Amino acid sequence: MAIENVQQLLTEQLGKNGSTEIFTTGAQTSKDWYAVYFPITSVVASIAVADATGESALQTTLPAGTTLFMNVTAITLTSGIGIGYSEGIIT
């Protein structure tokens, strides 16, 4: 993931690139999110992260306002809401 300029970064952060998915307790698989934001307190049941170790430590309750900046490839919540951000257009 390479950010070409500040405008591209802002566009992605605001979800204006067609690259934002809002999810609840359904399993999210085959994702390529560079960030996941939790607007309310959320309980992570499982999470998979590319190129990282120890992600099982994130299987916990995350307070409202938490953002995970990592390449999340799969996640399941027991409760709460997540917003996943990716670079490309969602198909």
C-alpha atoms as a PDB file:
ATOM      1  CA  MET A   1       0.000   0.000   0.000  1.00  0.00           C
ATOM      2  CA  ALA A   2       1.562   3.247  -1.096  1.00  0.00           C
ATOM      3  CA  ILE A   3      -0.060   6.597  -0.449  1.00  0.00           C
ATOM      4  CA  GLU A   4       0.639   8.789  -3.455  1.00  0.00           C
ATOM      5  CA  ASN A   5      -0.262  12.110  -1.831  1.00  0.00           C
ATOM      6  CA  VAL A   6      -2.067  13.753   1.076  1.00  0.00           C
ATOM      7  CA  GLN A   7      -5.321  14.027  -0.888  1.00  0.00           C
ATOM      8  CA  GLN A   8      -5.374  10.269  -1.504  1.00  0.00           C
ATOM      9  CA  LEU A   9      -4.781   9.614   2.183  1.00  0.00           C
ATOM     10  CA  LEU A  10      -7.592  11.953   3.226  1.00  0.00           C
ATOM     11  CA  THR A  11      -9.940  10.445   0.645  1.00  0.00           C
ATOM     12  CA  GLU A  12      -9.325   6.946   1.995  1.00  0.00           C
ATOM     13  CA  GLN A  13      -9.616   8.021   5.642  1.00  0.00           C
ATOM     14  CA  LEU A  14     -12.988   9.599   4.936  1.00  0.00           C
ATOM     15  CA  GLY A  15     -14.223   6.492   3.150  1.00  0.00           C
ATOM     16  CA  LYS A  16     -14.647   8.385  -0.138  1.00  0.00           C
ATOM     17  CA  ASN A  17     -12.848   5.795  -2.249  1.00  0.00           C
ATOM     18  CA  GLY A  18     -15.587   3.167  -2.120  1.00  0.00           C
ATOM     19  CA  SER A  19     -13.301   1.334   0.242  1.00  0.00           C
ATOM     20  CA  THR A  20     -15.230   1.267   3.506  1.00  0.00           C
ATOM     21  CA  GLU A  21     -17.189  -1.650   4.966  1.00  0.00           C
ATOM     22  CA  ILE A  22     -19.316  -1.471   8.104  1.00  0.00           C
ATOM     23  CA  PHE A  23     -19.810  -4.809   9.848  1.00  0.00           C
ATOM     24  CA  THR A  24     -21.212  -6.336  13.029  1.00  0.00           C
ATOM     25  CA  THR A  25     -21.071  -9.940  14.234  1.00  0.00           C
ATOM     26  CA  GLY A  26     -20.903 -11.803  10.913  1.00  0.00           C
ATOM     27  CA  ALA A  27     -17.528 -13.352  10.068  1.00  0.00           C
ATOM     28  CA  GLN A  28     -15.485 -11.077   7.795  1.00  0.00           C
ATOM     29  CA  THR A  29     -13.094 -13.135   5.667  1.00  0.00           C
ATOM     30  CA  SER A  30     -10.823 -12.575   2.649  1.00  0.00           C
ATOM     31  CA  LYS A  31     -10.380  -8.903   3.546  1.00  0.00           C
ATOM     32  CA  ASP A  32      -7.458  -6.584   2.886  1.00  0.00           C
ATOM     33  CA  TRP A  33      -8.130  -3.773   5.344  1.00  0.00           C
ATOM     34  CA  TYR A  34      -5.313  -1.444   6.367  1.00  0.00           C
ATOM     35  CA  ALA A  35      -7.324  -0.146   9.346  1.00  0.00           C
ATOM     36  CA  VAL A  36     -10.370  -1.144  11.377  1.00  0.00           C
ATOM     37  CA  TYR A  37     -12.175   1.419  13.532  1.00  0.00           C
ATOM     38  CA  PHE A  38     -14.566   0.517  16.363  1.00  0.00           C
ATOM     39  CA  PRO A  39     -17.024   3.381  17.058  1.00  0.00           C
ATOM     40  CA  ILE A  40     -18.573   1.545  20.013  1.00  0.00           C
ATOM     41  CA  THR A  41     -17.198  -0.946  22.518  1.00  0.00           C
ATOM     42  CA  SER A  42     -16.661  -4.179  20.576  1.00  0.00           C
ATOM     43  CA  VAL A  43     -15.675  -7.717  21.512  1.00  0.00           C
ATOM     44  CA  VAL A  44     -13.308  -9.447  19.077  1.00  0.00           C
ATOM     45  CA  ALA A  45     -13.889 -13.222  18.935  1.00  0.00           C
ATOM     46  CA  SER A  46     -11.198 -13.891  16.323  1.00  0.00           C
ATOM     47  CA  ILE A  47      -8.826 -11.882  14.151  1.00  0.00           C
ATOM     48  CA  ALA A  48      -6.229 -12.674  11.489  1.00  0.00           C
ATOM     49  CA  VAL A  49      -3.537 -10.184  10.514  1.00  0.00           C
ATOM     50  CA  ALA A  50      -1.077 -10.464   7.624  1.00  0.00           C
ATOM     51  CA  ASP A  51       2.621 -10.141   8.400  1.00  0.00           C
ATOM     52  CA  ALA A  52       2.146  -9.983  12.169  1.00  0.00           C
ATOM     53  CA  THR A  53       2.371 -12.264  15.169  1.00  0.00           C
ATOM     54  CA  GLY A  54       0.516 -12.234  18.455  1.00  0.00           C
ATOM     55  CA  GLU A  55      -2.807 -11.065  17.042  1.00  0.00           C
ATOM     56  CA  SER A  56      -4.572 -13.430  19.457  1.00  0.00           C
ATOM     57  CA  ALA A  57      -3.891 -10.763  22.112  1.00  0.00           C
ATOM     58  CA  LEU A  58      -6.504  -8.668  20.285  1.00  0.00           C
ATOM     59  CA  GLN A  59      -9.223 -11.230  21.045  1.00  0.00           C
ATOM     60  CA  THR A  60     -10.595  -9.025  23.775  1.00  0.00           C
ATOM     61  CA  THR A  61     -12.957  -6.153  24.442  1.00  0.00           C
ATOM     62  CA  LEU A  62     -11.861  -3.027  22.597  1.00  0.00           C
ATOM     63  CA  PRO A  63     -13.097   0.330  23.908  1.00  0.00           C
ATOM     64  CA  ALA A  64     -15.078   2.698  21.709  1.00  0.00           C
ATOM     65  CA  GLY A  65     -12.801   4.791  19.530  1.00  0.00           C
ATOM     66  CA  THR A  66     -10.129   2.116  19.045  1.00  0.00           C
ATOM     67  CA  THR A  67      -8.457   1.935  15.631  1.00  0.00           C
ATOM     68  CA  LEU A  68      -6.268  -0.981  14.607  1.00  0.00           C
ATOM     69  CA  PHE A  69      -3.705   0.071  11.987  1.00  0.00           C
ATOM     70  CA  MET A  70      -2.649  -3.263  10.505  1.00  0.00           C
ATOM     71  CA  ASN A  71      -3.465  -5.483   7.539  1.00  0.00           C
ATOM     72  CA  VAL A  72      -6.564  -7.254   8.871  1.00  0.00           C
ATOM     73  CA  THR A  73      -7.521 -10.199   6.663  1.00  0.00           C
ATOM     74  CA  ALA A  74     -10.316 -11.681   8.788  1.00  0.00           C
ATOM     75  CA  ILE A  75     -12.248 -10.710  11.904  1.00  0.00           C
ATOM     76  CA  THR A  76     -15.315 -11.846  13.813  1.00  0.00           C
ATOM     77  CA  LEU A  77     -16.993  -9.800  16.535  1.00  0.00           C
ATOM     78  CA  THR A  78     -19.063 -11.199  19.377  1.00  0.00           C
ATOM     79  CA  SER A  79     -20.669  -7.784  19.778  1.00  0.00           C
ATOM     80  CA  GLY A  80     -20.143  -4.250  18.544  1.00  0.00           C
ATOM     81  CA  ILE A  81     -19.506  -2.548  15.220  1.00  0.00           C
ATOM     82  CA  GLY A  82     -16.398  -2.266  13.093  1.00  0.00           C
ATOM     83  CA  ILE A  83     -15.537  -0.169  10.053  1.00  0.00           C
ATOM     84  CA  GLY A  84     -12.923  -1.666   7.754  1.00  0.00           C
ATOM     85  CA  TYR A  85     -10.873   0.522   5.375  1.00  0.00           C
ATOM     86  CA  SER A  86      -9.155  -0.784   2.248  1.00  0.00           C
ATOM     87  CA  GLU A  87      -7.376   0.862  -0.655  1.00  0.00           C
ATOM     88  CA  GLY A  88      -9.468  -0.330  -3.542  1.00  0.00           C
ATOM     89  CA  ILE A  89     -13.071  -0.252  -4.659  1.00  0.00           C
ATOM     90  CA  ILE A  90     -15.173  -2.923  -2.956  1.00  0.00           C
ATOM     91  CA  THR A  91     -16.719  -5.423  -5.339  1.00  0.00           C
END
